[in-house]
Amino acid sequence: MCGRFALFSDPTSIARALRLPPPSENWPPRYNIAPGTWITGVLRYSTDGDPLFDESCWVESTTVSTATGSSPR
């Protein structure tokens, strides 16, 4: 799996659903966001901080499992 996704929802609708203030700018719909792409998303910078809209680099996690031991056969 390549980790691509789409972001086509209206930013104001996302903010309303998450009970956040609306973002300062609208972003266009994007239908093929690949890992390594800068995107606008909802981030929380600390456990006690409020979530907010900000830019972040989309990085696909390649970790399937963090369990130790032998794999099933």
PDB file of N, CA and C in Angstrom:
ATOM      1  N   MET A   1       0.847  -1.178   0.000  1.00  0.00           N
ATOM      2  CA  MET A   1       0.000   0.000   0.000  1.00  0.00           C
ATOM      3  C   MET A   1       0.887   1.234   0.000  1.00  0.00           C
ATOM      4  N   CYS A   2       0.555   2.216  -0.804  1.00  0.00           N
ATOM      5  CA  CYS A   2       1.439   3.359  -0.988  1.00  0.00           C
ATOM      6  C   CYS A   2       1.210   4.482   0.010  1.00  0.00           C
ATOM      7  N   GLY A   3       0.121   4.503   0.740  1.00  0.00           N
ATOM      8  CA  GLY A   3      -0.102   5.537   1.742  1.00  0.00           C
ATOM      9  C   GLY A   3      -0.724   6.813   1.217  1.00  0.00           C
ATOM     10  N   ARG A   4      -1.237   6.800   0.007  1.00  0.00           N
ATOM     11  CA  ARG A   4      -1.877   8.001  -0.540  1.00  0.00           C
ATOM     12  C   ARG A   4      -3.293   8.145   0.004  1.00  0.00           C
ATOM     13  N   PHE A   5      -3.757   9.400   0.041  1.00  0.00           N
ATOM     14  CA  PHE A   5      -5.133   9.642   0.469  1.00  0.00           C
ATOM     15  C   PHE A   5      -5.647  10.904  -0.191  1.00  0.00           C
ATOM     16  N   ALA A   6      -6.928  11.186  -0.011  1.00  0.00           N
ATOM     17  CA  ALA A   6      -7.572  12.371  -0.581  1.00  0.00           C
ATOM     18  C   ALA A   6      -8.077  13.263   0.544  1.00  0.00           C
ATOM     19  N   LEU A   7      -8.092  14.565   0.274  1.00  0.00           N
ATOM     20  CA  LEU A   7      -8.645  15.539   1.215  1.00  0.00           C
ATOM     21  C   LEU A   7      -9.517  16.490   0.405  1.00  0.00           C
ATOM     22  N   PHE A   8     -10.823  16.253   0.463  1.00  0.00           N
ATOM     23  CA  PHE A   8     -11.730  17.046  -0.364  1.00  0.00           C
ATOM     24  C   PHE A   8     -12.860  17.681   0.430  1.00  0.00           C
ATOM     25  N   SER A   9     -12.897  17.471   1.746  1.00  0.00           N
ATOM     26  CA  SER A   9     -13.950  18.061   2.574  1.00  0.00           C
ATOM     27  C   SER A   9     -13.718  19.552   2.763  1.00  0.00           C
ATOM     28  N   ASP A  10     -14.796  20.278   2.918  1.00  0.00           N
ATOM     29  CA  ASP A  10     -14.734  21.716   3.150  1.00  0.00           C
ATOM     30  C   ASP A  10     -14.077  21.990   4.507  1.00  0.00           C
ATOM     31  N   PRO A  11     -13.044  22.846   4.568  1.00  0.00           N
ATOM     32  CA  PRO A  11     -12.349  23.110   5.830  1.00  0.00           C
ATOM     33  C   PRO A  11     -13.260  23.636   6.938  1.00  0.00           C
ATOM     34  N   THR A  12     -14.244  24.442   6.577  1.00  0.00           N
ATOM     35  CA  THR A  12     -15.164  24.968   7.587  1.00  0.00           C
ATOM     36  C   THR A  12     -16.015  23.846   8.176  1.00  0.00           C
ATOM     37  N   SER A  13     -16.422  22.889   7.347  1.00  0.00           N
ATOM     38  CA  SER A  13     -17.190  21.740   7.836  1.00  0.00           C
ATOM     39  C   SER A  13     -16.354  20.873   8.771  1.00  0.00           C
ATOM     40  N   ILE A  14     -15.082  20.693   8.448  1.00  0.00           N
ATOM     41  CA  ILE A  14     -14.183  19.924   9.315  1.00  0.00           C
ATOM     42  C   ILE A  14     -14.049  20.624  10.661  1.00  0.00           C
ATOM     43  N   ALA A  15     -13.838  21.928  10.636  1.00  0.00           N
ATOM     44  CA  ALA A  15     -13.699  22.698  11.877  1.00  0.00           C
ATOM     45  C   ALA A  15     -14.963  22.597  12.720  1.00  0.00           C
ATOM     46  N   ARG A  16     -16.109  22.719  12.093  1.00  0.00           N
ATOM     47  CA  ARG A  16     -17.376  22.649  12.826  1.00  0.00           C
ATOM     48  C   ARG A  16     -17.555  21.261  13.451  1.00  0.00           C
ATOM     49  N   ALA A  17     -17.246  20.202  12.708  1.00  0.00           N
ATOM     50  CA  ALA A  17     -17.402  18.837  13.220  1.00  0.00           C
ATOM     51  C   ALA A  17     -16.472  18.567  14.404  1.00  0.00           C
ATOM     52  N   LEU A  18     -15.292  19.186  14.399  1.00  0.00           N
ATOM     53  CA  LEU A  18     -14.316  18.982  15.473  1.00  0.00           C
ATOM     54  C   LEU A  18     -14.386  20.056  16.552  1.00  0.00           C
ATOM     55  N   ARG A  19     -15.349  20.983  16.399  1.00  0.00           N
ATOM     56  CA  ARG A  19     -15.529  22.095  17.343  1.00  0.00           C
ATOM     57  C   ARG A  19     -14.255  22.928  17.487  1.00  0.00           C
ATOM     58  N   LEU A  20     -13.685  23.272  16.339  1.00  0.00           N
ATOM     59  CA  LEU A  20     -12.490  24.107  16.277  1.00  0.00           C
ATOM     60  C   LEU A  20     -12.820  25.411  15.576  1.00  0.00           C
ATOM     61  N   PRO A  21     -12.029  26.456  15.830  1.00  0.00           N
ATOM     62  CA  PRO A  21     -12.205  27.665  15.023  1.00  0.00           C
ATOM     63  C   PRO A  21     -11.841  27.355  13.571  1.00  0.00           C
ATOM     64  N   PRO A  22     -12.501  27.996  12.630  1.00  0.00           N
ATOM     65  CA  PRO A  22     -12.201  27.705  11.225  1.00  0.00           C
ATOM     66  C   PRO A  22     -10.763  28.087  10.880  1.00  0.00           C
ATOM     67  N   PRO A  23     -10.176  27.400   9.912  1.00  0.00           N
ATOM     68  CA  PRO A  23      -8.810  27.737   9.506  1.00  0.00           C
ATOM     69  C   PRO A  23      -8.764  29.126   8.887  1.00  0.00           C
ATOM     70  N   SER A  24      -7.597  29.722   8.886  1.00  0.00           N
ATOM     71  CA  SER A  24      -7.450  31.085   8.376  1.00  0.00           C
ATOM     72  C   SER A  24      -7.571  31.156   6.859  1.00  0.00           C
ATOM     73  N   GLU A  25      -7.407  30.040   6.186  1.00  0.00           N
ATOM     74  CA  GLU A  25      -7.526  30.042   4.728  1.00  0.00           C
ATOM     75  C   GLU A  25      -8.176  28.750   4.258  1.00  0.00           C
ATOM     76  N   ASN A  26      -8.812  28.811   3.099  1.00  0.00           N
ATOM     77  CA  ASN A  26      -9.376  27.609   2.493  1.00  0.00           C
ATOM     78  C   ASN A  26      -8.294  26.891   1.706  1.00  0.00           C
ATOM     79  N   TRP A  27      -8.423  25.583   1.587  1.00  0.00           N
ATOM     80  CA  TRP A  27      -7.497  24.846   0.748  1.00  0.00           C
ATOM     81  C   TRP A  27      -8.293  24.130  -0.327  1.00  0.00           C
ATOM     82  N   PRO A  28      -7.688  23.967  -1.501  1.00  0.00           N
ATOM     83  CA  PRO A  28      -8.404  23.312  -2.595  1.00  0.00           C
ATOM     84  C   PRO A  28      -8.488  21.803  -2.349  1.00  0.00           C
ATOM     85  N   PRO A  29      -9.495  21.142  -2.924  1.00  0.00           N
ATOM     86  CA  PRO A  29      -9.562  19.684  -2.817  1.00  0.00           C
ATOM     87  C   PRO A  29      -8.314  19.057  -3.443  1.00  0.00           C
ATOM     88  N   ARG A  30      -7.840  17.986  -2.836  1.00  0.00           N
ATOM     89  CA  ARG A  30      -6.678  17.253  -3.354  1.00  0.00           C
ATOM     90  C   ARG A  30      -7.029  15.771  -3.319  1.00  0.00           C
ATOM     91  N   TYR A  31      -6.849  15.108  -4.447  1.00  0.00           N
ATOM     92  CA  TYR A  31      -7.321  13.736  -4.588  1.00  0.00           C
ATOM     93  C   TYR A  31      -6.201  12.700  -4.675  1.00  0.00           C
ATOM     94  N   ASN A  32      -4.952  13.095  -4.551  1.00  0.00           N
ATOM     95  CA  ASN A  32      -3.848  12.147  -4.690  1.00  0.00           C
ATOM     96  C   ASN A  32      -2.663  12.617  -3.844  1.00  0.00           C
ATOM     97  N   ILE A  33      -2.833  12.644  -2.529  1.00  0.00           N
ATOM     98  CA  ILE A  33      -1.791  13.139  -1.629  1.00  0.00           C
ATOM     99  C   ILE A  33      -0.846  11.989  -1.309  1.00  0.00           C
ATOM    100  N   ALA A  34       0.402  12.146  -1.694  1.00  0.00           N
ATOM    101  CA  ALA A  34       1.409  11.102  -1.500  1.00  0.00           C
ATOM    102  C   ALA A  34       2.242  11.383  -0.254  1.00  0.00           C
ATOM    103  N   PRO A  35       2.849  10.345   0.337  1.00  0.00           N
ATOM    104  CA  PRO A  35       3.773  10.582   1.445  1.00  0.00           C
ATOM    105  C   PRO A  35       4.862  11.570   1.023  1.00  0.00           C
ATOM    106  N   GLY A  36       5.249  12.434   1.950  1.00  0.00           N
ATOM    107  CA  GLY A  36       6.254  13.452   1.664  1.00  0.00           C
ATOM    108  C   GLY A  36       5.661  14.775   1.220  1.00  0.00           C
ATOM    109  N   THR A  37       4.334  14.863   1.139  1.00  0.00           N
ATOM    110  CA  THR A  37       3.646  16.075   0.712  1.00  0.00           C
ATOM    111  C   THR A  37       3.265  16.912   1.929  1.00  0.00           C
ATOM    112  N   TRP A  38       3.462  18.226   1.839  1.00  0.00           N
ATOM    113  CA  TRP A  38       3.012  19.132   2.902  1.00  0.00           C
ATOM    114  C   TRP A  38       1.522  19.338   2.750  1.00  0.00           C
ATOM    115  N   ILE A  39       0.791  19.156   3.863  1.00  0.00           N
ATOM    116  CA  ILE A  39      -0.664  19.278   3.860  1.00  0.00           C
ATOM    117  C   ILE A  39      -1.115  20.109   5.056  1.00  0.00           C
ATOM    118  N   THR A  40      -2.332  20.618   4.976  1.00  0.00           N
ATOM    119  CA  THR A  40      -2.959  21.255   6.130  1.00  0.00           C
ATOM    120  C   THR A  40      -3.742  20.183   6.860  1.00  0.00           C
ATOM    121  N   GLY A  41      -3.572  20.129   8.161  1.00  0.00           N
ATOM    122  CA  GLY A  41      -4.267  19.124   8.958  1.00  0.00           C
ATOM    123  C   GLY A  41      -4.556  19.645  10.350  1.00  0.00           C
ATOM    124  N   VAL A  42      -5.228  18.846  11.137  1.00  0.00           N
ATOM    125  CA  VAL A  42      -5.515  19.187  12.528  1.00  0.00           C
ATOM    126  C   VAL A  42      -4.425  18.546  13.377  1.00  0.00           C
ATOM    127  N   LEU A  43      -3.681  19.376  14.083  1.00  0.00           N
ATOM    128  CA  LEU A  43      -2.553  18.909  14.888  1.00  0.00           C
ATOM    129  C   LEU A  43      -2.732  19.306  16.338  1.00  0.00           C
ATOM    130  N   ARG A  44      -2.132  18.541  17.213  1.00  0.00           N
ATOM    131  CA  ARG A  44      -2.056  18.896  18.634  1.00  0.00           C
ATOM    132  C   ARG A  44      -0.582  18.771  19.006  1.00  0.00           C
ATOM    133  N   TYR A  45       0.019  19.884  19.432  1.00  0.00           N
ATOM    134  CA  TYR A  45       1.451  19.919  19.696  1.00  0.00           C
ATOM    135  C   TYR A  45       1.823  19.439  21.092  1.00  0.00           C
ATOM    136  N   SER A  46       0.866  19.385  22.006  1.00  0.00           N
ATOM    137  CA  SER A  46       1.136  18.857  23.342  1.00  0.00           C
ATOM    138  C   SER A  46      -0.139  18.223  23.879  1.00  0.00           C
ATOM    139  N   THR A  47      -0.001  17.389  24.895  1.00  0.00           N
ATOM    140  CA  THR A  47      -1.172  16.693  25.426  1.00  0.00           C
ATOM    141  C   THR A  47      -2.165  17.644  26.071  1.00  0.00           C
ATOM    142  N   ASP A  48      -1.700  18.786  26.555  1.00  0.00           N
ATOM    143  CA  ASP A  48      -2.620  19.735  27.179  1.00  0.00           C
ATOM    144  C   ASP A  48      -2.969  20.909  26.268  1.00  0.00           C
ATOM    145  N   GLY A  49      -2.456  20.913  25.044  1.00  0.00           N
ATOM    146  CA  GLY A  49      -2.751  21.991  24.106  1.00  0.00           C
ATOM    147  C   GLY A  49      -4.004  21.715  23.299  1.00  0.00           C
ATOM    148  N   ASP A  50      -4.597  22.770  22.793  1.00  0.00           N
ATOM    149  CA  ASP A  50      -5.779  22.633  21.948  1.00  0.00           C
ATOM    150  C   ASP A  50      -5.362  22.234  20.534  1.00  0.00           C
ATOM    151  N   PRO A  51      -6.161  21.403  19.854  1.00  0.00           N
ATOM    152  CA  PRO A  51      -5.865  21.088  18.462  1.00  0.00           C
ATOM    153  C   PRO A  51      -6.071  22.323  17.592  1.00  0.00           C
ATOM    154  N   LEU A  52      -5.330  22.392  16.489  1.00  0.00           N
ATOM    155  CA  LEU A  52      -5.453  23.521  15.575  1.00  0.00           C
ATOM    156  C   LEU A  52      -5.076  23.092  14.174  1.00  0.00           C
ATOM    157  N   PHE A  53      -5.476  23.899  13.207  1.00  0.00           N
ATOM    158  CA  PHE A  53      -5.093  23.657  11.819  1.00  0.00           C
ATOM    159  C   PHE A  53      -3.680  24.183  11.610  1.00  0.00           C
ATOM    160  N   ASP A  54      -2.838  23.376  10.990  1.00  0.00           N
ATOM    161  CA  ASP A  54      -1.472  23.797  10.698  1.00  0.00           C
ATOM    162  C   ASP A  54      -0.925  22.928   9.569  1.00  0.00           C
ATOM    163  N   GLU A  55       0.206  23.334   9.020  1.00  0.00           N
ATOM    164  CA  GLU A  55       0.871  22.581   7.967  1.00  0.00           C
ATOM    165  C   GLU A  55       1.724  21.474   8.578  1.00  0.00           C
ATOM    166  N   SER A  56       1.741  20.338   7.908  1.00  0.00           N
ATOM    167  CA  SER A  56       2.550  19.212   8.359  1.00  0.00           C
ATOM    168  C   SER A  56       2.919  18.372   7.146  1.00  0.00           C
ATOM    169  N   CYS A  57       4.025  17.677   7.251  1.00  0.00           N
ATOM    170  CA  CYS A  57       4.445  16.789   6.167  1.00  0.00           C
ATOM    171  C   CYS A  57       3.824  15.417   6.391  1.00  0.00           C
ATOM    172  N   TRP A  58       3.093  14.918   5.404  1.00  0.00           N
ATOM    173  CA  TRP A  58       2.464  13.605   5.488  1.00  0.00           C
ATOM    174  C   TRP A  58       3.550  12.550   5.309  1.00  0.00           C
ATOM    175  N   VAL A  59       3.756  11.741   6.351  1.00  0.00           N
ATOM    176  CA  VAL A  59       4.758  10.680   6.316  1.00  0.00           C
ATOM    177  C   VAL A  59       4.058   9.362   6.597  1.00  0.00           C
ATOM    178  N   GLU A  60       4.176   8.435   5.671  1.00  0.00           N
ATOM    179  CA  GLU A  60       3.563   7.119   5.856  1.00  0.00           C
ATOM    180  C   GLU A  60       4.397   6.306   6.834  1.00  0.00           C
ATOM    181  N   SER A  61       3.738   5.734   7.810  1.00  0.00           N
ATOM    182  CA  SER A  61       4.421   4.861   8.758  1.00  0.00           C
ATOM    183  C   SER A  61       4.586   3.488   8.127  1.00  0.00           C
ATOM    184  N   THR A  62       5.800   2.962   8.175  1.00  0.00           N
ATOM    185  CA  THR A  62       6.036   1.630   7.627  1.00  0.00           C
ATOM    186  C   THR A  62       6.004   0.566   8.712  1.00  0.00           C
ATOM    187  N   THR A  63       5.775   0.976   9.953  1.00  0.00           N
ATOM    188  CA  THR A  63       5.723   0.023  11.055  1.00  0.00           C
ATOM    189  C   THR A  63       4.387  -0.708  11.033  1.00  0.00           C
ATOM    190  N   VAL A  64       4.425  -2.003  10.897  1.00  0.00           N
ATOM    191  CA  VAL A  64       3.213  -2.801  10.899  1.00  0.00           C
ATOM    192  C   VAL A  64       2.894  -3.245  12.315  1.00  0.00           C
ATOM    193  N   SER A  65       3.916  -3.611  13.061  1.00  0.00           N
ATOM    194  CA  SER A  65       3.716  -4.074  14.427  1.00  0.00           C
ATOM    195  C   SER A  65       4.946  -3.730  15.250  1.00  0.00           C
ATOM    196  N   THR A  66       4.715  -3.369  16.496  1.00  0.00           N
ATOM    197  CA  THR A  66       5.838  -3.099  17.387  1.00  0.00           C
ATOM    198  C   THR A  66       6.059  -4.255  18.348  1.00  0.00           C
ATOM    199  N   ALA A  67       5.318  -5.342  18.151  1.00  0.00           N
ATOM    200  CA  ALA A  67       5.460  -6.507  19.025  1.00  0.00           C
ATOM    201  C   ALA A  67       6.815  -7.171  18.803  1.00  0.00           C
ATOM    202  N   THR A  68       7.374  -7.700  19.873  1.00  0.00           N
ATOM    203  CA  THR A  68       8.633  -8.423  19.755  1.00  0.00           C
ATOM    204  C   THR A  68       8.356  -9.913  19.745  1.00  0.00           C
ATOM    205  N   GLY A  69       9.317 -10.665  19.315  1.00  0.00           N
ATOM    206  CA  GLY A  69       9.151 -12.114  19.279  1.00  0.00           C
ATOM    207  C   GLY A  69       9.083 -12.606  17.849  1.00  0.00           C
ATOM    208  N   SER A  70       8.872 -13.888  17.706  1.00  0.00           N
ATOM    209  CA  SER A  70       8.845 -14.464  16.367  1.00  0.00           C
ATOM    210  C   SER A  70       7.494 -14.217  15.711  1.00  0.00           C
ATOM    211  N   SER A  71       7.513 -14.177  14.408  1.00  0.00           N
ATOM    212  CA  SER A  71       6.275 -13.957  13.667  1.00  0.00           C
ATOM    213  C   SER A  71       5.516 -15.275  13.535  1.00  0.00           C
ATOM    214  N   PRO A  72       4.190 -15.207  13.366  1.00  0.00           N
ATOM    215  CA  PRO A  72       3.416 -16.441  13.205  1.00  0.00           C
ATOM    216  C   PRO A  72       3.795 -17.159  11.922  1.00  0.00           C
ATOM    217  N   ARG A  73       3.685 -18.458  11.950  1.00  0.00           N
ATOM    218  CA  ARG A  73       4.032 -19.235  10.747  1.00  0.00           C
ATOM    219  C   ARG A  73       2.837 -19.975  10.239  1.00  0.00           C
TER     220      ARG A  73
END
